[in-house]
Amino acid sequence: MKTSVEISYYPLNVEFIPHIKDFISRLNNYDEIYVKTNGMSTQVFGEYKDVMNILTTEIEKSFQLPHSVFALKIINADLNIYLDGDK
């Protein structure tokens, strides 16, 4: 089953940008998912089990930083095909 996840990451730290960039960089290391980033959020597309396993791993790593907040929206469809089509 295909899935799409929109993620917003809020590290409650004065130096928050490096933590966000690190999280996105780690996601981009996986061939099993497609990652699209903009100024408001990061979208991840792929097979449900792959996406959720990867997010579980990477969110847990990010939680090593105290007071990290993640907001996720998950849908059981590949919404990337409805975006700009540059997959």
C-alpha atoms as a PDB file:
ATOM      1  CA  MET A   1       0.000   0.000   0.000  1.00  0.00           C
ATOM      2  CA  LYS A   2       1.334   3.425  -0.940  1.00  0.00           C
ATOM      3  CA  THR A   3       1.392   6.182   1.649  1.00  0.00           C
ATOM      4  CA  SER A   4       2.205   9.850   1.920  1.00  0.00           C
ATOM      5  CA  VAL A   5       3.301  11.550   5.130  1.00  0.00           C
ATOM      6  CA  GLU A   6       3.636  15.259   5.764  1.00  0.00           C
ATOM      7  CA  ILE A   7       6.037  15.979   8.626  1.00  0.00           C
ATOM      8  CA  SER A   8       6.710  19.136  10.587  1.00  0.00           C
ATOM      9  CA  TYR A   9       9.588  18.931  13.065  1.00  0.00           C
ATOM     10  CA  TYR A  10       9.936  21.421  15.912  1.00  0.00           C
ATOM     11  CA  PRO A  11      13.085  20.943  17.986  1.00  0.00           C
ATOM     12  CA  LEU A  12      12.504  23.203  20.972  1.00  0.00           C
ATOM     13  CA  ASN A  13      16.086  24.392  21.033  1.00  0.00           C
ATOM     14  CA  VAL A  14      17.697  27.743  20.296  1.00  0.00           C
ATOM     15  CA  GLU A  15      19.750  26.131  17.509  1.00  0.00           C
ATOM     16  CA  PHE A  16      16.832  24.371  15.787  1.00  0.00           C
ATOM     17  CA  ILE A  17      17.787  24.611  12.089  1.00  0.00           C
ATOM     18  CA  PRO A  18      20.766  22.179  12.219  1.00  0.00           C
ATOM     19  CA  HIS A  19      18.532  19.535  13.842  1.00  0.00           C
ATOM     20  CA  ILE A  20      15.869  19.903  11.155  1.00  0.00           C
ATOM     21  CA  LYS A  21      18.454  19.728   8.364  1.00  0.00           C
ATOM     22  CA  ASP A  22      20.003  16.637   9.955  1.00  0.00           C
ATOM     23  CA  PHE A  23      16.620  14.875  10.133  1.00  0.00           C
ATOM     24  CA  ILE A  24      15.875  15.645   6.468  1.00  0.00           C
ATOM     25  CA  SER A  25      19.386  14.586   5.434  1.00  0.00           C
ATOM     26  CA  ARG A  26      18.959  11.226   7.163  1.00  0.00           C
ATOM     27  CA  LEU A  27      15.637  10.663   5.383  1.00  0.00           C
ATOM     28  CA  ASN A  28      17.302  11.378   2.040  1.00  0.00           C
ATOM     29  CA  ASN A  29      19.725   8.491   2.625  1.00  0.00           C
ATOM     30  CA  TYR A  30      16.976   5.896   2.069  1.00  0.00           C
ATOM     31  CA  ASP A  31      16.359   4.606  -1.463  1.00  0.00           C
ATOM     32  CA  GLU A  32      13.006   3.087  -0.442  1.00  0.00           C
ATOM     33  CA  ILE A  33      11.303   6.475  -0.021  1.00  0.00           C
ATOM     34  CA  TYR A  34      10.946   9.712  -1.955  1.00  0.00           C
ATOM     35  CA  VAL A  35      11.424  12.893   0.097  1.00  0.00           C
ATOM     36  CA  LYS A  36      10.216  16.355  -0.900  1.00  0.00           C
ATOM     37  CA  THR A  37      10.978  19.364   1.288  1.00  0.00           C
ATOM     38  CA  ASN A  38       9.639  22.906   1.300  1.00  0.00           C
ATOM     39  CA  GLY A  39       9.743  25.811   3.738  1.00  0.00           C
ATOM     40  CA  MET A  40       6.821  24.522   5.826  1.00  0.00           C
ATOM     41  CA  SER A  41       7.205  20.738   5.955  1.00  0.00           C
ATOM     42  CA  THR A  42       8.739  17.606   4.518  1.00  0.00           C
ATOM     43  CA  GLN A  43       6.711  15.055   2.579  1.00  0.00           C
ATOM     44  CA  VAL A  44       7.675  11.395   2.404  1.00  0.00           C
ATOM     45  CA  PHE A  45       6.236   8.978  -0.159  1.00  0.00           C
ATOM     46  CA  GLY A  46       6.579   5.218  -0.518  1.00  0.00           C
ATOM     47  CA  GLU A  47       5.310   1.852   0.612  1.00  0.00           C
ATOM     48  CA  TYR A  48       3.559   2.135   3.968  1.00  0.00           C
ATOM     49  CA  LYS A  49       5.753  -0.330   5.874  1.00  0.00           C
ATOM     50  CA  ASP A  50       8.976   1.158   4.483  1.00  0.00           C
ATOM     51  CA  VAL A  51       7.911   4.723   5.292  1.00  0.00           C
ATOM     52  CA  MET A  52       6.736   3.927   8.809  1.00  0.00           C
ATOM     53  CA  ASN A  53       9.810   1.827   9.667  1.00  0.00           C
ATOM     54  CA  ILE A  54      12.124   4.573   8.440  1.00  0.00           C
ATOM     55  CA  LEU A  55      10.213   7.296  10.272  1.00  0.00           C
ATOM     56  CA  THR A  56      10.191   5.264  13.483  1.00  0.00           C
ATOM     57  CA  THR A  57      13.972   4.887  13.293  1.00  0.00           C
ATOM     58  CA  GLU A  58      14.718   8.502  12.411  1.00  0.00           C
ATOM     59  CA  ILE A  59      12.227  10.110  14.792  1.00  0.00           C
ATOM     60  CA  GLU A  60      13.671   8.018  17.620  1.00  0.00           C
ATOM     61  CA  LYS A  61      17.149   9.365  16.759  1.00  0.00           C
ATOM     62  CA  SER A  62      15.777  12.912  16.782  1.00  0.00           C
ATOM     63  CA  PHE A  63      14.169  12.328  20.180  1.00  0.00           C
ATOM     64  CA  GLN A  64      17.691  12.127  21.628  1.00  0.00           C
ATOM     65  CA  LEU A  65      17.397  15.910  21.586  1.00  0.00           C
ATOM     66  CA  PRO A  66      15.157  16.773  24.538  1.00  0.00           C
ATOM     67  CA  HIS A  67      11.816  18.389  23.781  1.00  0.00           C
ATOM     68  CA  SER A  68      11.464  17.542  20.103  1.00  0.00           C
ATOM     69  CA  VAL A  69       7.974  17.807  18.627  1.00  0.00           C
ATOM     70  CA  PHE A  70       6.792  16.079  15.434  1.00  0.00           C
ATOM     71  CA  ALA A  71       3.459  16.699  13.710  1.00  0.00           C
ATOM     72  CA  LEU A  72       2.546  14.096  11.074  1.00  0.00           C
ATOM     73  CA  LYS A  73      -0.309  13.770   8.600  1.00  0.00           C
ATOM     74  CA  ILE A  74      -0.593  10.317   7.019  1.00  0.00           C
ATOM     75  CA  ILE A  75      -2.760   9.216   4.098  1.00  0.00           C
ATOM     76  CA  ASN A  76      -3.028   5.807   2.440  1.00  0.00           C
ATOM     77  CA  ALA A  77      -2.304   7.110  -1.066  1.00  0.00           C
ATOM     78  CA  ASP A  78       0.650   8.377  -3.081  1.00  0.00           C
ATOM     79  CA  LEU A  79      -0.175  12.083  -3.225  1.00  0.00           C
ATOM     80  CA  ASN A  80       3.075  12.849  -5.007  1.00  0.00           C
ATOM     81  CA  ILE A  81       1.360  11.996  -8.287  1.00  0.00           C
ATOM     82  CA  TYR A  82      -0.997  14.942  -7.685  1.00  0.00           C
ATOM     83  CA  LEU A  83       1.774  17.410  -6.936  1.00  0.00           C
ATOM     84  CA  ASP A  84       4.114  18.806  -9.558  1.00  0.00           C
ATOM     85  CA  GLY A  85       5.021  15.384 -10.974  1.00  0.00           C
ATOM     86  CA  ASP A  86       8.821  15.693 -10.607  1.00  0.00           C
ATOM     87  CA  LYS A  87       9.457  12.362  -8.972  1.00  0.00           C
END
